[in-house]
């Protein structure tokens, strides 16, 4: 009888651990940031650099960027549709072209979650695929 009770408790413990791990420790924002870092490395790092500091007078910084903090929709649109013309970031004017990168809505959400949570940026409100997909040119 003791063996049966011990076996039952072990099974309950295993089920609880599996349920707890998959239910409570999953963090969609953190997972998106990890995916976004890979996308950033593949598509963005050449111009905006590994540090997110950009290239002075050519490509704006993403690090501690007031533009990212204050222009969520504009930032997403810039990645989704490309961007050209004057842009003021941290008080400095940039005037260059960023071609559309051909990323999917999911990839755009992931890279935005990465850059808005890196290099001094903090964004607890996750950018979602649905949010990106609703934006029109």
N, C-alpha and C. Protein backbone atom coordinates (compact mmCIF):
# COMPACT_ATOMS: atom_id res chain seq x y z
N UNK A 1 0.82 -1.19 0.00
CA UNK A 1 0.00 0.00 0.00
C UNK A 1 0.87 1.26 0.00
N UNK A 2 1.96 1.25 0.82
CA UNK A 2 2.87 2.39 0.86
C UNK A 2 3.48 2.64 -0.52
N UNK A 3 3.84 1.58 -1.19
CA UNK A 3 4.43 1.69 -2.52
C UNK A 3 3.45 2.32 -3.50
N UNK A 4 2.20 1.97 -3.40
CA UNK A 4 1.16 2.53 -4.27
C UNK A 4 1.00 4.03 -4.02
N UNK A 5 0.99 4.42 -2.77
CA UNK A 5 0.86 5.85 -2.41
C UNK A 5 2.08 6.63 -2.89
N UNK A 6 3.27 6.09 -2.68
CA UNK A 6 4.50 6.76 -3.14
C UNK A 6 4.49 6.90 -4.66
N UNK A 7 4.10 5.84 -5.35
CA UNK A 7 4.00 5.90 -6.82
C UNK A 7 3.01 6.96 -7.28
N UNK A 8 1.87 7.02 -6.61
CA UNK A 8 0.85 8.01 -6.93
C UNK A 8 1.39 9.42 -6.71
N UNK A 9 2.07 9.66 -5.60
CA UNK A 9 2.63 10.99 -5.31
C UNK A 9 3.71 11.38 -6.33
N UNK A 10 4.51 10.42 -6.74
CA UNK A 10 5.53 10.69 -7.76
C UNK A 10 4.87 11.09 -9.08
N UNK A 11 3.83 10.35 -9.47
CA UNK A 11 3.11 10.69 -10.71
C UNK A 11 2.50 12.08 -10.63
N UNK A 12 1.86 12.40 -9.51
CA UNK A 12 1.27 13.73 -9.33
C UNK A 12 2.35 14.80 -9.41
N UNK A 13 3.49 14.54 -8.80
CA UNK A 13 4.61 15.48 -8.81
C UNK A 13 5.12 15.72 -10.24
N UNK A 14 5.25 14.67 -10.99
CA UNK A 14 5.72 14.78 -12.38
C UNK A 14 4.71 15.56 -13.22
N UNK A 15 3.44 15.24 -13.08
CA UNK A 15 2.39 15.95 -13.83
C UNK A 15 2.40 17.43 -13.46
N UNK A 16 2.52 17.75 -12.18
CA UNK A 16 2.55 19.14 -11.73
C UNK A 16 3.75 19.87 -12.33
N UNK A 17 4.91 19.23 -12.29
CA UNK A 17 6.13 19.85 -12.82
C UNK A 17 6.00 20.14 -14.31
N UNK A 18 5.50 19.20 -15.07
CA UNK A 18 5.32 19.39 -16.52
C UNK A 18 4.32 20.51 -16.77
N UNK A 19 3.21 20.50 -16.07
CA UNK A 19 2.18 21.52 -16.25
C UNK A 19 2.71 22.88 -15.84
N UNK A 20 3.40 22.97 -14.71
CA UNK A 20 3.93 24.24 -14.22
C UNK A 20 4.94 24.80 -15.20
N UNK A 21 5.85 23.97 -15.66
CA UNK A 21 6.89 24.42 -16.58
C UNK A 21 6.31 24.94 -17.88
N UNK A 22 5.37 24.21 -18.45
CA UNK A 22 4.84 24.64 -19.75
C UNK A 22 3.83 25.77 -19.61
N UNK A 23 3.12 25.87 -18.50
CA UNK A 23 2.08 26.87 -18.35
C UNK A 23 2.62 28.18 -17.78
N UNK A 24 3.43 28.09 -16.74
CA UNK A 24 3.79 29.29 -16.01
C UNK A 24 5.16 29.84 -16.35
N UNK A 25 6.02 29.07 -16.94
CA UNK A 25 7.34 29.56 -17.23
C UNK A 25 7.51 29.97 -18.69
N UNK A 26 6.52 29.76 -19.50
CA UNK A 26 6.58 30.19 -20.88
C UNK A 26 6.41 31.71 -20.92
N UNK A 27 7.30 32.39 -21.59
CA UNK A 27 7.24 33.84 -21.67
C UNK A 27 7.29 34.24 -23.14
N UNK A 28 6.13 34.52 -23.74
CA UNK A 28 6.10 34.84 -25.17
C UNK A 28 6.97 36.03 -25.55
N UNK A 29 7.08 37.06 -24.70
CA UNK A 29 7.92 38.21 -25.03
C UNK A 29 9.38 37.80 -25.09
N UNK A 30 9.84 37.04 -24.11
CA UNK A 30 11.24 36.60 -24.12
C UNK A 30 11.54 35.72 -25.32
N UNK A 31 10.59 34.85 -25.66
CA UNK A 31 10.78 33.98 -26.83
C UNK A 31 10.85 34.81 -28.10
N UNK A 32 10.01 35.84 -28.21
CA UNK A 32 10.01 36.73 -29.37
C UNK A 32 11.33 37.50 -29.47
N UNK A 33 11.84 37.95 -28.32
CA UNK A 33 13.11 38.68 -28.30
C UNK A 33 14.25 37.81 -28.80
N UNK A 34 14.27 36.55 -28.39
CA UNK A 34 15.31 35.62 -28.85
C UNK A 34 15.25 35.47 -30.37
N UNK A 35 14.04 35.27 -30.90
CA UNK A 35 13.90 35.16 -32.37
C UNK A 35 14.27 36.47 -33.04
N UNK A 36 13.88 37.58 -32.44
CA UNK A 36 14.17 38.90 -33.01
C UNK A 36 15.65 39.21 -33.09
N UNK A 37 16.40 38.72 -32.13
CA UNK A 37 17.85 38.94 -32.15
C UNK A 37 18.47 38.28 -33.38
N UNK A 38 17.99 37.08 -33.72
CA UNK A 38 18.49 36.40 -34.92
C UNK A 38 18.16 37.18 -36.18
N UNK A 39 16.95 37.71 -36.24
CA UNK A 39 16.53 38.50 -37.40
C UNK A 39 17.37 39.77 -37.48
N UNK A 40 17.58 40.42 -36.35
CA UNK A 40 18.39 41.64 -36.31
C UNK A 40 19.80 41.34 -36.85
N UNK A 41 20.36 40.24 -36.41
CA UNK A 41 21.71 39.85 -36.84
C UNK A 41 21.75 39.62 -38.35
N UNK A 42 20.69 39.06 -38.91
CA UNK A 42 20.65 38.77 -40.34
C UNK A 42 20.36 39.99 -41.20
N UNK A 43 19.52 40.91 -40.73
CA UNK A 43 19.03 41.97 -41.59
C UNK A 43 19.42 43.40 -41.18
N UNK A 44 19.67 43.65 -39.93
CA UNK A 44 19.78 45.03 -39.44
C UNK A 44 21.18 45.43 -38.97
N UNK A 45 21.96 44.46 -38.57
CA UNK A 45 23.23 44.73 -37.90
C UNK A 45 24.22 45.49 -38.79
N UNK A 46 24.15 45.32 -40.09
CA UNK A 46 25.09 45.98 -40.99
C UNK A 46 25.00 47.50 -40.87
N UNK A 47 23.80 48.03 -40.79
CA UNK A 47 23.62 49.48 -40.71
C UNK A 47 23.55 49.99 -39.27
N UNK A 48 22.84 49.26 -38.42
CA UNK A 48 22.61 49.75 -37.06
C UNK A 48 23.61 49.20 -36.05
N UNK A 49 24.50 48.32 -36.50
CA UNK A 49 25.61 47.77 -35.73
C UNK A 49 25.17 46.86 -34.58
N UNK A 50 26.06 46.00 -34.11
CA UNK A 50 25.73 45.10 -33.00
C UNK A 50 25.33 45.87 -31.73
N UNK A 51 25.87 47.05 -31.57
CA UNK A 51 25.60 47.87 -30.39
C UNK A 51 24.29 48.63 -30.48
N UNK A 52 23.68 48.66 -31.67
CA UNK A 52 22.46 49.44 -31.87
C UNK A 52 22.73 50.93 -31.99
N UNK A 53 23.99 51.32 -32.07
CA UNK A 53 24.34 52.75 -32.10
C UNK A 53 24.21 53.37 -33.48
N UNK A 54 24.00 52.58 -34.50
CA UNK A 54 23.89 53.11 -35.86
C UNK A 54 25.21 53.65 -36.35
N UNK A 55 25.16 54.37 -37.46
CA UNK A 55 26.35 54.98 -38.03
C UNK A 55 26.11 56.49 -38.05
N UNK A 56 26.95 57.21 -37.36
CA UNK A 56 26.75 58.65 -37.18
C UNK A 56 26.46 59.36 -38.51
N UNK A 57 25.43 60.17 -38.49
CA UNK A 57 24.97 60.98 -39.62
C UNK A 57 24.43 60.17 -40.80
N UNK A 58 24.41 58.85 -40.70
CA UNK A 58 23.92 58.03 -41.81
C UNK A 58 22.73 57.17 -41.37
N UNK A 59 22.95 56.29 -40.40
CA UNK A 59 21.90 55.39 -39.93
C UNK A 59 21.63 55.70 -38.46
N UNK A 60 20.38 55.97 -38.12
CA UNK A 60 20.08 56.39 -36.75
C UNK A 60 20.30 55.28 -35.72
N UNK A 61 20.59 55.69 -34.49
CA UNK A 61 20.75 54.70 -33.43
C UNK A 61 19.41 54.09 -33.04
N UNK A 62 19.48 52.86 -32.64
CA UNK A 62 18.33 52.19 -32.04
C UNK A 62 18.49 52.15 -30.52
N UNK A 63 19.74 52.26 -30.07
CA UNK A 63 20.04 52.27 -28.64
C UNK A 63 19.49 53.54 -28.01
N UNK A 64 18.79 53.38 -26.90
CA UNK A 64 18.20 54.51 -26.18
C UNK A 64 17.50 55.47 -27.12
N UNK A 65 16.76 54.95 -28.06
CA UNK A 65 16.14 55.75 -29.12
C UNK A 65 14.81 56.34 -28.68
N UNK A 66 14.75 57.67 -28.67
CA UNK A 66 13.48 58.33 -28.36
C UNK A 66 12.45 58.08 -29.46
N UNK A 67 12.92 57.89 -30.68
CA UNK A 67 12.00 57.63 -31.79
C UNK A 67 11.28 56.29 -31.57
N UNK A 68 12.03 55.25 -31.20
CA UNK A 68 11.41 53.94 -30.94
C UNK A 68 10.41 54.04 -29.79
N UNK A 69 10.77 54.77 -28.76
CA UNK A 69 9.91 54.89 -27.57
C UNK A 69 8.63 55.66 -27.88
N UNK A 70 8.73 56.68 -28.72
CA UNK A 70 7.60 57.58 -28.96
C UNK A 70 6.84 57.33 -30.26
N UNK A 71 7.36 56.48 -31.12
CA UNK A 71 6.75 56.24 -32.44
C UNK A 71 6.67 54.75 -32.74
N UNK A 72 5.93 54.06 -31.92
CA UNK A 72 5.79 52.61 -32.06
C UNK A 72 5.29 52.25 -33.46
N UNK A 73 4.18 52.84 -33.87
CA UNK A 73 3.59 52.52 -35.17
C UNK A 73 4.53 52.92 -36.31
N UNK A 74 5.12 54.10 -36.23
CA UNK A 74 6.05 54.54 -37.26
C UNK A 74 7.27 53.64 -37.37
N UNK A 75 7.74 53.15 -36.24
CA UNK A 75 8.89 52.25 -36.24
C UNK A 75 8.55 50.93 -36.91
N UNK A 76 7.38 50.41 -36.60
CA UNK A 76 6.94 49.16 -37.23
C UNK A 76 6.78 49.36 -38.73
N UNK A 77 6.15 50.46 -39.11
CA UNK A 77 5.95 50.74 -40.55
C UNK A 77 7.28 50.89 -41.27
N UNK A 78 8.27 51.48 -40.62
CA UNK A 78 9.58 51.64 -41.24
C UNK A 78 10.20 50.30 -41.60
N UNK A 79 10.03 49.32 -40.75
CA UNK A 79 10.56 47.99 -41.03
C UNK A 79 9.69 47.28 -42.06
N UNK A 80 8.40 47.44 -41.94
CA UNK A 80 7.47 46.72 -42.83
C UNK A 80 7.49 47.25 -44.26
N UNK A 81 7.49 48.58 -44.40
CA UNK A 81 7.35 49.19 -45.73
C UNK A 81 8.60 49.92 -46.21
N UNK A 82 9.61 50.01 -45.36
CA UNK A 82 10.77 50.82 -45.68
C UNK A 82 10.52 52.25 -45.24
N UNK A 83 11.56 53.06 -45.34
CA UNK A 83 11.43 54.43 -44.87
C UNK A 83 12.41 55.32 -45.63
N UNK A 84 11.96 56.52 -45.92
CA UNK A 84 12.86 57.49 -46.54
C UNK A 84 12.47 58.88 -46.10
N UNK A 85 13.40 59.80 -46.21
CA UNK A 85 13.15 61.17 -45.79
C UNK A 85 13.71 61.44 -44.40
N UNK A 86 13.48 62.65 -43.94
CA UNK A 86 14.05 63.07 -42.66
C UNK A 86 13.40 62.35 -41.49
N UNK A 87 14.25 62.05 -40.54
CA UNK A 87 13.84 61.36 -39.33
C UNK A 87 14.69 61.92 -38.20
N UNK A 88 14.07 62.34 -37.12
CA UNK A 88 14.81 62.90 -35.98
C UNK A 88 14.85 61.85 -34.87
N UNK A 89 16.07 61.48 -34.50
CA UNK A 89 16.29 60.50 -33.44
C UNK A 89 17.25 61.10 -32.43
N UNK A 90 16.81 61.14 -31.19
CA UNK A 90 17.61 61.70 -30.10
C UNK A 90 18.13 63.10 -30.44
N UNK A 91 17.28 63.90 -31.08
CA UNK A 91 17.61 65.29 -31.39
C UNK A 91 18.46 65.47 -32.63
N UNK A 92 18.80 64.41 -33.31
CA UNK A 92 19.65 64.49 -34.50
C UNK A 92 18.85 64.09 -35.73
N UNK A 93 19.01 64.84 -36.83
CA UNK A 93 18.26 64.57 -38.05
C UNK A 93 19.05 63.62 -38.96
N UNK A 94 18.33 62.61 -39.44
CA UNK A 94 18.89 61.64 -40.39
C UNK A 94 18.04 61.72 -41.64
N UNK A 95 18.66 61.57 -42.79
CA UNK A 95 17.94 61.62 -44.05
C UNK A 95 18.54 60.57 -44.98
N UNK A 96 18.00 59.39 -44.90
CA UNK A 96 18.53 58.28 -45.68
C UNK A 96 17.36 57.38 -46.09
N UNK A 97 17.66 56.33 -46.78
CA UNK A 97 16.64 55.39 -47.24
C UNK A 97 16.86 54.04 -46.56
N UNK A 98 15.77 53.48 -46.06
CA UNK A 98 15.80 52.10 -45.58
C UNK A 98 14.79 51.34 -46.44
N UNK A 99 15.29 50.44 -47.23
CA UNK A 99 14.42 49.65 -48.12
C UNK A 99 13.61 48.66 -47.28
N UNK A 100 12.42 48.30 -47.77
CA UNK A 100 11.67 47.24 -47.07
C UNK A 100 12.50 45.96 -47.08
N UNK A 101 12.47 45.26 -45.98
CA UNK A 101 13.34 44.09 -45.82
C UNK A 101 12.70 42.79 -46.26
N UNK A 102 11.41 42.81 -46.57
CA UNK A 102 10.73 41.60 -47.01
C UNK A 102 10.47 40.62 -45.88
N UNK A 103 10.37 41.13 -44.67
CA UNK A 103 10.11 40.27 -43.52
C UNK A 103 8.62 39.98 -43.38
N UNK A 104 8.31 38.84 -42.81
CA UNK A 104 6.91 38.52 -42.52
C UNK A 104 6.44 39.35 -41.32
N UNK A 105 5.14 39.40 -41.11
CA UNK A 105 4.61 40.12 -39.95
C UNK A 105 5.16 39.57 -38.64
N UNK A 106 5.30 38.25 -38.57
CA UNK A 106 5.85 37.63 -37.36
C UNK A 106 7.31 38.03 -37.14
N UNK A 107 8.08 38.07 -38.22
CA UNK A 107 9.49 38.47 -38.10
C UNK A 107 9.61 39.94 -37.70
N UNK A 108 8.73 40.78 -38.23
CA UNK A 108 8.74 42.21 -37.87
C UNK A 108 8.40 42.36 -36.39
N UNK A 109 7.39 41.65 -35.91
CA UNK A 109 7.04 41.72 -34.49
C UNK A 109 8.22 41.27 -33.64
N UNK A 110 8.86 40.19 -34.02
CA UNK A 110 9.99 39.68 -33.24
C UNK A 110 11.16 40.66 -33.22
N UNK A 111 11.52 41.21 -34.35
CA UNK A 111 12.67 42.12 -34.37
C UNK A 111 12.33 43.41 -33.62
N UNK A 112 11.08 43.86 -33.71
CA UNK A 112 10.68 45.04 -32.94
C UNK A 112 10.72 44.74 -31.44
N UNK A 113 10.31 43.57 -31.03
CA UNK A 113 10.39 43.22 -29.61
C UNK A 113 11.84 43.17 -29.15
N UNK A 114 12.72 42.71 -30.03
CA UNK A 114 14.15 42.69 -29.69
C UNK A 114 14.70 44.11 -29.55
N UNK A 115 14.51 44.95 -30.56
CA UNK A 115 15.15 46.27 -30.52
C UNK A 115 14.50 47.19 -29.48
N UNK A 116 13.21 46.99 -29.18
CA UNK A 116 12.60 47.84 -28.16
C UNK A 116 12.86 47.34 -26.74
N UNK A 117 13.64 46.27 -26.63
CA UNK A 117 14.04 45.75 -25.32
C UNK A 117 15.54 45.51 -25.24
N UNK A 118 16.30 46.25 -26.03
CA UNK A 118 17.76 46.12 -26.04
C UNK A 118 18.40 47.50 -25.94
N UNK A 119 19.66 47.53 -25.54
CA UNK A 119 20.50 48.74 -25.53
C UNK A 119 19.87 49.92 -24.78
N UNK A 120 19.25 49.64 -23.66
CA UNK A 120 18.65 50.71 -22.87
C UNK A 120 17.19 50.98 -23.18
N UNK A 121 16.64 50.33 -24.20
CA UNK A 121 15.21 50.46 -24.50
C UNK A 121 14.45 49.46 -23.64
N UNK A 122 13.25 49.82 -23.22
CA UNK A 122 12.42 48.91 -22.43
C UNK A 122 10.98 49.04 -22.88
N UNK A 123 10.39 47.91 -23.30
CA UNK A 123 9.01 47.88 -23.76
C UNK A 123 8.35 46.61 -23.25
N UNK A 124 7.52 46.77 -22.23
CA UNK A 124 6.83 45.60 -21.66
C UNK A 124 5.59 45.23 -22.45
N UNK A 125 5.11 46.13 -23.31
CA UNK A 125 3.92 45.86 -24.11
C UNK A 125 4.35 45.18 -25.41
N UNK A 126 4.18 43.88 -25.45
CA UNK A 126 4.65 43.08 -26.58
C UNK A 126 4.01 43.52 -27.89
N UNK A 127 4.84 43.61 -28.92
CA UNK A 127 4.37 43.89 -30.27
C UNK A 127 3.96 42.55 -30.86
N UNK A 128 2.75 42.47 -31.35
CA UNK A 128 2.20 41.20 -31.81
C UNK A 128 2.10 41.14 -33.33
N UNK A 129 1.96 39.94 -33.83
CA UNK A 129 1.76 39.73 -35.27
C UNK A 129 0.49 40.44 -35.71
N UNK A 130 -0.56 40.36 -34.90
CA UNK A 130 -1.82 41.01 -35.25
C UNK A 130 -1.65 42.52 -35.38
N UNK A 131 -0.90 43.13 -34.47
CA UNK A 131 -0.65 44.57 -34.52
C UNK A 131 0.08 44.94 -35.81
N UNK A 132 1.10 44.18 -36.15
CA UNK A 132 1.86 44.46 -37.36
C UNK A 132 0.99 44.26 -38.61
N UNK A 133 0.21 43.20 -38.63
CA UNK A 133 -0.60 42.90 -39.82
C UNK A 133 -1.66 43.94 -40.10
N UNK A 134 -2.12 44.66 -39.09
CA UNK A 134 -3.15 45.68 -39.27
C UNK A 134 -2.63 46.96 -39.89
N UNK A 135 -1.34 47.18 -39.84
CA UNK A 135 -0.77 48.43 -40.34
C UNK A 135 -0.72 48.47 -41.86
N UNK A 136 -1.19 49.54 -42.39
CA UNK A 136 -1.20 49.75 -43.85
C UNK A 136 -0.27 50.93 -44.17
N UNK A 137 0.23 50.93 -45.37
CA UNK A 137 1.16 51.95 -45.83
C UNK A 137 0.59 53.34 -45.71
